[in-house]
Amino acid sequence: VESGGGSVQAGGSLRLSCAASGRTFSNYAMGWF
């Protein structure tokens, strides 16, 4: 589940988060596309 998107002006910043279910998250390679 991603969150943190929105609208900003050029030069601004945003921080996206992705919360994962599962007990073995530390075994997963993760990516953003």
PDB file of all heavy atoms in Angstrom:
ATOM      1  N   VAL A   1       0.852  -1.189   0.000  1.00  0.00           N
ATOM      2  CA  VAL A   1       0.000   0.000   0.000  1.00  0.00           C
ATOM      3  C   VAL A   1       0.885   1.235   0.000  1.00  0.00           C
ATOM      4  O   VAL A   1       1.605   1.494   0.980  1.00  0.00           O
ATOM      5  CB  VAL A   1      -0.946   0.017   1.209  1.00  0.00           C
ATOM      6  CG1 VAL A   1      -1.807   1.278   1.173  1.00  0.00           C
ATOM      7  CG2 VAL A   1      -1.823  -1.237   1.223  1.00  0.00           C
ATOM      8  N   GLU A   2       0.815   1.999  -1.090  1.00  0.00           N
ATOM      9  CA  GLU A   2       1.590   3.226  -1.208  1.00  0.00           C
ATOM     10  C   GLU A   2       0.821   4.408  -0.631  1.00  0.00           C
ATOM     11  O   GLU A   2      -0.411   4.424  -0.629  1.00  0.00           O
ATOM     12  CB  GLU A   2       1.930   3.544  -2.664  1.00  0.00           C
ATOM     13  CG  GLU A   2       2.708   2.489  -3.417  1.00  0.00           C
ATOM     14  CD  GLU A   2       1.833   1.619  -4.290  1.00  0.00           C
ATOM     15  OE1 GLU A   2       0.628   1.491  -3.960  1.00  0.00           O
ATOM     16  OE2 GLU A   2       2.325   1.088  -5.292  1.00  0.00           O
ATOM     17  N   SER A   3       1.564   5.396  -0.184  1.00  0.00           N
ATOM     18  CA  SER A   3       0.976   6.650   0.284  1.00  0.00           C
ATOM     19  C   SER A   3       2.010   7.752   0.106  1.00  0.00           C
ATOM     20  O   SER A   3       3.195   7.483  -0.121  1.00  0.00           O
ATOM     21  CB  SER A   3       0.536   6.548   1.744  1.00  0.00           C
ATOM     22  OG  SER A   3       1.644   6.262   2.572  1.00  0.00           O
ATOM     23  N   GLY A   4       1.538   8.999   0.226  1.00  0.00           N
ATOM     24  CA  GLY A   4       2.452  10.130   0.195  1.00  0.00           C
ATOM     25  C   GLY A   4       2.484  10.899  -1.110  1.00  0.00           C
ATOM     26  O   GLY A   4       3.179  11.908  -1.209  1.00  0.00           O
ATOM     27  N   GLY A   5       1.735  10.445  -2.097  1.00  0.00           N
ATOM     28  CA  GLY A   5       1.696  11.179  -3.348  1.00  0.00           C
ATOM     29  C   GLY A   5       0.956  12.492  -3.188  1.00  0.00           C
ATOM     30  O   GLY A   5       0.335  12.767  -2.164  1.00  0.00           O
ATOM     31  N   GLY A   6       1.031  13.323  -4.232  1.00  0.00           N
ATOM     32  CA  GLY A   6       0.337  14.605  -4.187  1.00  0.00           C
ATOM     33  C   GLY A   6       0.810  15.506  -5.300  1.00  0.00           C
ATOM     34  O   GLY A   6       1.467  15.066  -6.247  1.00  0.00           O
ATOM     35  N   SER A   7       0.463  16.786  -5.151  1.00  0.00           N
ATOM     36  CA  SER A   7       0.827  17.795  -6.143  1.00  0.00           C
ATOM     37  C   SER A   7       1.799  18.783  -5.518  1.00  0.00           C
ATOM     38  O   SER A   7       1.552  19.287  -4.422  1.00  0.00           O
ATOM     39  CB  SER A   7      -0.423  18.525  -6.626  1.00  0.00           C
ATOM     40  OG  SER A   7      -1.310  17.639  -7.275  1.00  0.00           O
ATOM     41  N   VAL A   8       2.886  19.032  -6.235  1.00  0.00           N
ATOM     42  CA  VAL A   8       3.891  19.991  -5.766  1.00  0.00           C
ATOM     43  C   VAL A   8       4.377  20.818  -6.936  1.00  0.00           C
ATOM     44  O   VAL A   8       4.214  20.421  -8.101  1.00  0.00           O
ATOM     45  CB  VAL A   8       5.098  19.304  -5.091  1.00  0.00           C
ATOM     46  CG1 VAL A   8       4.672  18.583  -3.831  1.00  0.00           C
ATOM     47  CG2 VAL A   8       5.785  18.351  -6.056  1.00  0.00           C
ATOM     48  N   GLN A   9       4.998  21.926  -6.625  1.00  0.00           N
ATOM     49  CA  GLN A   9       5.626  22.726  -7.673  1.00  0.00           C
ATOM     50  C   GLN A   9       7.039  22.207  -7.941  1.00  0.00           C
ATOM     51  O   GLN A   9       7.655  21.548  -7.093  1.00  0.00           O
ATOM     52  CB  GLN A   9       5.678  24.187  -7.255  1.00  0.00           C
ATOM     53  CG  GLN A   9       4.304  24.852  -7.229  1.00  0.00           C
ATOM     54  CD  GLN A   9       4.404  26.362  -7.060  1.00  0.00           C
ATOM     55  OE1 GLN A   9       5.310  26.860  -6.412  1.00  0.00           O
ATOM     56  NE2 GLN A   9       3.443  27.086  -7.639  1.00  0.00           N
ATOM     57  N   ALA A  10       7.534  22.514  -9.112  1.00  0.00           N
ATOM     58  CA  ALA A  10       8.893  22.122  -9.475  1.00  0.00           C
ATOM     59  C   ALA A  10       9.872  22.625  -8.419  1.00  0.00           C
ATOM     60  O   ALA A  10       9.751  23.744  -7.923  1.00  0.00           O
ATOM     61  CB  ALA A  10       9.251  22.686 -10.844  1.00  0.00           C
ATOM     62  N   GLY A  11      10.818  21.755  -8.074  1.00  0.00           N
ATOM     63  CA  GLY A  11      11.782  22.078  -7.032  1.00  0.00           C
ATOM     64  C   GLY A  11      11.376  21.594  -5.657  1.00  0.00           C
ATOM     65  O   GLY A  11      12.195  21.605  -4.725  1.00  0.00           O
ATOM     66  N   GLY A  12      10.128  21.172  -5.529  1.00  0.00           N
ATOM     67  CA  GLY A  12       9.635  20.711  -4.245  1.00  0.00           C
ATOM     68  C   GLY A  12      10.015  19.269  -3.955  1.00  0.00           C
ATOM     69  O   GLY A  12      10.725  18.628  -4.728  1.00  0.00           O
ATOM     70  N   SER A  13       9.504  18.785  -2.815  1.00  0.00           N
ATOM     71  CA  SER A  13       9.837  17.435  -2.354  1.00  0.00           C
ATOM     72  C   SER A  13       8.580  16.683  -1.942  1.00  0.00           C
ATOM     73  O   SER A  13       7.588  17.285  -1.517  1.00  0.00           O
ATOM     74  CB  SER A  13      10.782  17.508  -1.142  1.00  0.00           C
ATOM     75  OG  SER A  13      12.002  18.113  -1.477  1.00  0.00           O
ATOM     76  N   LEU A  14       8.661  15.382  -2.058  1.00  0.00           N
ATOM     77  CA  LEU A  14       7.636  14.489  -1.553  1.00  0.00           C
ATOM     78  C   LEU A  14       8.328  13.233  -1.020  1.00  0.00           C
ATOM     79  O   LEU A  14       9.396  12.853  -1.501  1.00  0.00           O
ATOM     80  CB  LEU A  14       6.646  14.079  -2.646  1.00  0.00           C
ATOM     81  CG  LEU A  14       5.586  15.081  -3.084  1.00  0.00           C
ATOM     82  CD1 LEU A  14       4.824  14.544  -4.283  1.00  0.00           C
ATOM     83  CD2 LEU A  14       4.621  15.387  -1.949  1.00  0.00           C
ATOM     84  N   ARG A  15       7.666  12.583  -0.068  1.00  0.00           N
ATOM     85  CA  ARG A  15       8.176  11.318   0.441  1.00  0.00           C
ATOM     86  C   ARG A  15       7.090  10.269   0.292  1.00  0.00           C
ATOM     87  O   ARG A  15       6.021  10.385   0.905  1.00  0.00           O
ATOM     88  CB  ARG A  15       8.575  11.429   1.903  1.00  0.00           C
ATOM     89  CG  ARG A  15       9.293  10.190   2.445  1.00  0.00           C
ATOM     90  CD  ARG A  15       9.356  10.222   3.947  1.00  0.00           C
ATOM     91  NE  ARG A  15      10.318   9.289   4.494  1.00  0.00           N
ATOM     92  CZ  ARG A  15      10.288   8.826   5.744  1.00  0.00           C
ATOM     93  NH1 ARG A  15       9.336   9.240   6.576  1.00  0.00           N
ATOM     94  NH2 ARG A  15      11.216   7.985   6.170  1.00  0.00           N
ATOM     95  N   LEU A  16       7.347   9.278  -0.510  1.00  0.00           N
ATOM     96  CA  LEU A  16       6.427   8.175  -0.690  1.00  0.00           C
ATOM     97  C   LEU A  16       6.749   7.058   0.296  1.00  0.00           C
ATOM     98  O   LEU A  16       7.918   6.808   0.608  1.00  0.00           O
ATOM     99  CB  LEU A  16       6.502   7.627  -2.115  1.00  0.00           C
ATOM    100  CG  LEU A  16       6.300   8.622  -3.250  1.00  0.00           C
ATOM    101  CD1 LEU A  16       6.312   7.881  -4.589  1.00  0.00           C
ATOM    102  CD2 LEU A  16       5.023   9.417  -3.081  1.00  0.00           C
ATOM    103  N   SER A  17       5.711   6.409   0.768  1.00  0.00           N
ATOM    104  CA  SER A  17       5.861   5.247   1.642  1.00  0.00           C
ATOM    105  C   SER A  17       5.129   4.065   1.025  1.00  0.00           C
ATOM    106  O   SER A  17       4.134   4.238   0.328  1.00  0.00           O
ATOM    107  CB  SER A  17       5.280   5.530   3.030  1.00  0.00           C
ATOM    108  OG  SER A  17       5.941   6.601   3.656  1.00  0.00           O
ATOM    109  N   CYS A  18       5.622   2.887   1.309  1.00  0.00           N
ATOM    110  CA  CYS A  18       4.974   1.656   0.854  1.00  0.00           C
ATOM    111  C   CYS A  18       5.000   0.671   2.016  1.00  0.00           C
ATOM    112  O   CYS A  18       6.070   0.197   2.407  1.00  0.00           O
ATOM    113  CB  CYS A  18       5.688   1.091  -0.358  1.00  0.00           C
ATOM    114  SG  CYS A  18       5.076  -0.529  -0.888  1.00  0.00           S
ATOM    115  N   ALA A  19       3.828   0.401   2.554  1.00  0.00           N
ATOM    116  CA  ALA A  19       3.704  -0.537   3.673  1.00  0.00           C
ATOM    117  C   ALA A  19       3.369  -1.917   3.133  1.00  0.00           C
ATOM    118  O   ALA A  19       2.469  -2.069   2.311  1.00  0.00           O
ATOM    119  CB  ALA A  19       2.617  -0.064   4.624  1.00  0.00           C
ATOM    120  N   ALA A  20       4.096  -2.917   3.599  1.00  0.00           N
ATOM    121  CA  ALA A  20       3.930  -4.285   3.111  1.00  0.00           C
ATOM    122  C   ALA A  20       3.399  -5.196   4.202  1.00  0.00           C
ATOM    123  O   ALA A  20       3.752  -5.061   5.379  1.00  0.00           O
ATOM    124  CB  ALA A  20       5.264  -4.820   2.613  1.00  0.00           C
ATOM    125  N   SER A  21       2.544  -6.114   3.784  1.00  0.00           N
ATOM    126  CA  SER A  21       2.101  -7.161   4.706  1.00  0.00           C
ATOM    127  C   SER A  21       3.102  -8.311   4.644  1.00  0.00           C
ATOM    128  O   SER A  21       3.972  -8.343   3.785  1.00  0.00           O
ATOM    129  CB  SER A  21       0.710  -7.654   4.312  1.00  0.00           C
ATOM    130  OG  SER A  21       0.768  -8.293   3.047  1.00  0.00           O
ATOM    131  N   GLY A  22       2.963  -9.258   5.539  1.00  0.00           N
ATOM    132  CA  GLY A  22       3.855 -10.414   5.498  1.00  0.00           C
ATOM    133  C   GLY A  22       4.889 -10.371   6.592  1.00  0.00           C
ATOM    134  O   GLY A  22       5.343  -9.298   7.002  1.00  0.00           O
ATOM    135  N   ARG A  23       5.275 -11.554   7.062  1.00  0.00           N
ATOM    136  CA  ARG A  23       6.193 -11.640   8.181  1.00  0.00           C
ATOM    137  C   ARG A  23       7.643 -11.671   7.765  1.00  0.00           C
ATOM    138  O   ARG A  23       8.522 -11.625   8.627  1.00  0.00           O
ATOM    139  CB  ARG A  23       5.875 -12.901   8.992  1.00  0.00           C
ATOM    140  CG  ARG A  23       4.532 -12.854   9.682  1.00  0.00           C
ATOM    141  CD  ARG A  23       4.232 -14.158  10.372  1.00  0.00           C
ATOM    142  NE  ARG A  23       4.038 -15.242   9.426  1.00  0.00           N
ATOM    143  CZ  ARG A  23       3.852 -16.499   9.777  1.00  0.00           C
ATOM    144  NH1 ARG A  23       3.852 -16.836  11.045  1.00  0.00           N
ATOM    145  NH2 ARG A  23       3.675 -17.431   8.857  1.00  0.00           N
ATOM    146  N   THR A  24       7.892 -11.757   6.456  1.00  0.00           N
ATOM    147  CA  THR A  24       9.273 -11.898   6.003  1.00  0.00           C
ATOM    148  C   THR A  24       9.673 -10.747   5.097  1.00  0.00           C
ATOM    149  O   THR A  24      10.412 -10.935   4.129  1.00  0.00           O
ATOM    150  CB  THR A  24       9.456 -13.238   5.269  1.00  0.00           C
ATOM    151  OG1 THR A  24       8.507 -13.328   4.192  1.00  0.00           O
ATOM    152  CG2 THR A  24       9.279 -14.397   6.219  1.00  0.00           C
ATOM    153  N   PHE A  25       9.209  -9.553   5.433  1.00  0.00           N
ATOM    154  CA  PHE A  25       9.524  -8.371   4.618  1.00  0.00           C
ATOM    155  C   PHE A  25      11.026  -8.208   4.468  1.00  0.00           C
ATOM    156  O   PHE A  25      11.504  -7.783   3.416  1.00  0.00           O
ATOM    157  CB  PHE A  25       8.919  -7.131   5.276  1.00  0.00           C
ATOM    158  CG  PHE A  25       9.257  -5.848   4.582  1.00  0.00           C
ATOM    159  CD1 PHE A  25       8.604  -5.497   3.406  1.00  0.00           C
ATOM    160  CD2 PHE A  25      10.212  -4.982   5.095  1.00  0.00           C
ATOM    161  CE1 PHE A  25       8.908  -4.301   2.760  1.00  0.00           C
ATOM    162  CE2 PHE A  25      10.525  -3.793   4.463  1.00  0.00           C
ATOM    163  CZ  PHE A  25       9.867  -3.448   3.291  1.00  0.00           C
ATOM    164  N   SER A  26      11.780  -8.547   5.479  1.00  0.00           N
ATOM    165  CA  SER A  26      13.232  -8.369   5.426  1.00  0.00           C
ATOM    166  C   SER A  26      13.899  -9.278   4.401  1.00  0.00           C
ATOM    167  O   SER A  26      15.097  -9.143   4.149  1.00  0.00           O
ATOM    168  CB  SER A  26      13.842  -8.603   6.811  1.00  0.00           C
ATOM    169  OG  SER A  26      13.550  -9.910   7.263  1.00  0.00           O
ATOM    170  N   ASN A  27      13.149 -10.210   3.816  1.00  0.00           N
ATOM    171  CA  ASN A  27      13.677 -11.075   2.754  1.00  0.00           C
ATOM    172  C   ASN A  27      13.346 -10.558   1.351  1.00  0.00           C
ATOM    173  O   ASN A  27      13.794 -11.137   0.371  1.00  0.00           O
ATOM    174  CB  ASN A  27      13.111 -12.494   2.872  1.00  0.00           C
ATOM    175  CG  ASN A  27      13.671 -13.235   4.068  1.00  0.00           C
ATOM    176  OD1 ASN A  27      14.707 -12.866   4.616  1.00  0.00           O
ATOM    177  ND2 ASN A  27      12.977 -14.278   4.487  1.00  0.00           N
ATOM    178  N   TYR A  28      12.564  -9.496   1.267  1.00  0.00           N
ATOM    179  CA  TYR A  28      12.091  -9.020  -0.037  1.00  0.00           C
ATOM    180  C   TYR A  28      12.992  -7.916  -0.582  1.00  0.00           C
ATOM    181  O   TYR A  28      13.246  -6.923   0.113  1.00  0.00           O
ATOM    182  CB  TYR A  28      10.684  -8.429   0.062  1.00  0.00           C
ATOM    183  CG  TYR A  28       9.618  -9.277   0.699  1.00  0.00           C
ATOM    184  CD1 TYR A  28       8.479  -8.681   1.220  1.00  0.00           C
ATOM    185  CD2 TYR A  28       9.726 -10.652   0.804  1.00  0.00           C
ATOM    186  CE1 TYR A  28       7.477  -9.431   1.811  1.00  0.00           C
ATOM    187  CE2 TYR A  28       8.738 -11.411   1.402  1.00  0.00           C
ATOM    188  CZ  TYR A  28       7.616 -10.794   1.899  1.00  0.00           C
ATOM    189  OH  TYR A  28       6.636 -11.539   2.496  1.00  0.00           O
ATOM    190  N   ALA A  29      13.412  -8.056  -1.837  1.00  0.00           N
ATOM    191  CA  ALA A  29      13.941  -6.900  -2.539  1.00  0.00           C
ATOM    192  C   ALA A  29      12.748  -6.033  -2.930  1.00  0.00           C
ATOM    193  O   ALA A  29      11.700  -6.551  -3.318  1.00  0.00           O
ATOM    194  CB  ALA A  29      14.719  -7.326  -3.768  1.00  0.00           C
ATOM    195  N   MET A  30      12.906  -4.732  -2.832  1.00  0.00           N
ATOM    196  CA  MET A  30      11.803  -3.805  -3.102  1.00  0.00           C
ATOM    197  C   MET A  30      12.205  -2.810  -4.176  1.00  0.00           C
ATOM    198  O   MET A  30      13.373  -2.414  -4.278  1.00  0.00           O
ATOM    199  CB  MET A  30      11.437  -3.053  -1.823  1.00  0.00           C
ATOM    200  CG  MET A  30      10.981  -3.932  -0.668  1.00  0.00           C
ATOM    201  SD  MET A  30       9.442  -4.795  -1.002  1.00  0.00           S
ATOM    202  CE  MET A  30       8.305  -3.414  -1.172  1.00  0.00           C
ATOM    203  N   GLY A  31      11.222  -2.391  -4.938  1.00  0.00           N
ATOM    204  CA  GLY A  31      11.500  -1.427  -5.984  1.00  0.00           C
ATOM    205  C   GLY A  31      10.396  -0.399  -6.116  1.00  0.00           C
ATOM    206  O   GLY A  31       9.266  -0.610  -5.659  1.00  0.00           O
ATOM    207  N   TRP A  32      10.749   0.724  -6.703  1.00  0.00           N
ATOM    208  CA  TRP A  32       9.784   1.761  -7.093  1.00  0.00           C
ATOM    209  C   TRP A  32       9.844   1.909  -8.612  1.00  0.00           C
ATOM    210  O   TRP A  32      10.937   1.974  -9.200  1.00  0.00           O
ATOM    211  CB  TRP A  32      10.112   3.097  -6.445  1.00  0.00           C
ATOM    212  CG  TRP A  32       9.802   3.178  -4.989  1.00  0.00           C
ATOM    213  CD1 TRP A  32      10.658   3.006  -3.940  1.00  0.00           C
ATOM    214  CD2 TRP A  32       8.534   3.491  -4.399  1.00  0.00           C
ATOM    215  NE1 TRP A  32      10.012   3.166  -2.743  1.00  0.00           N
ATOM    216  CE2 TRP A  32       8.699   3.476  -2.999  1.00  0.00           C
ATOM    217  CE3 TRP A  32       7.265   3.777  -4.914  1.00  0.00           C
ATOM    218  CZ2 TRP A  32       7.657   3.729  -2.106  1.00  0.00           C
ATOM    219  CZ3 TRP A  32       6.233   4.032  -4.036  1.00  0.00           C
ATOM    220  CH2 TRP A  32       6.422   4.001  -2.645  1.00  0.00           C
ATOM    221  N   PHE A  33       8.667   1.969  -9.211  1.00  0.00           N
ATOM    222  CA  PHE A  33       8.520   2.195 -10.642  1.00  0.00           C
ATOM    223  C   PHE A  33       7.528   3.325 -10.835  1.00  0.00           C
ATOM    224  O   PHE A  33       6.798   3.686  -9.898  1.00  0.00           O
ATOM    225  CB  PHE A  33       8.017   0.919 -11.347  1.00  0.00           C
ATOM    226  CG  PHE A  33       9.013  -0.197 -11.361  1.00  0.00           C
ATOM    227  CD1 PHE A  33       9.220  -0.971 -10.220  1.00  0.00           C
ATOM    228  CD2 PHE A  33       9.759  -0.487 -12.492  1.00  0.00           C
ATOM    229  CE1 PHE A  33      10.150  -2.007 -10.208  1.00  0.00           C
ATOM    230  CE2 PHE A  33      10.686  -1.524 -12.494  1.00  0.00           C
ATOM    231  CZ  PHE A  33      10.879  -2.275 -11.352  1.00  0.00           C
TER     232      PHE A  33
END
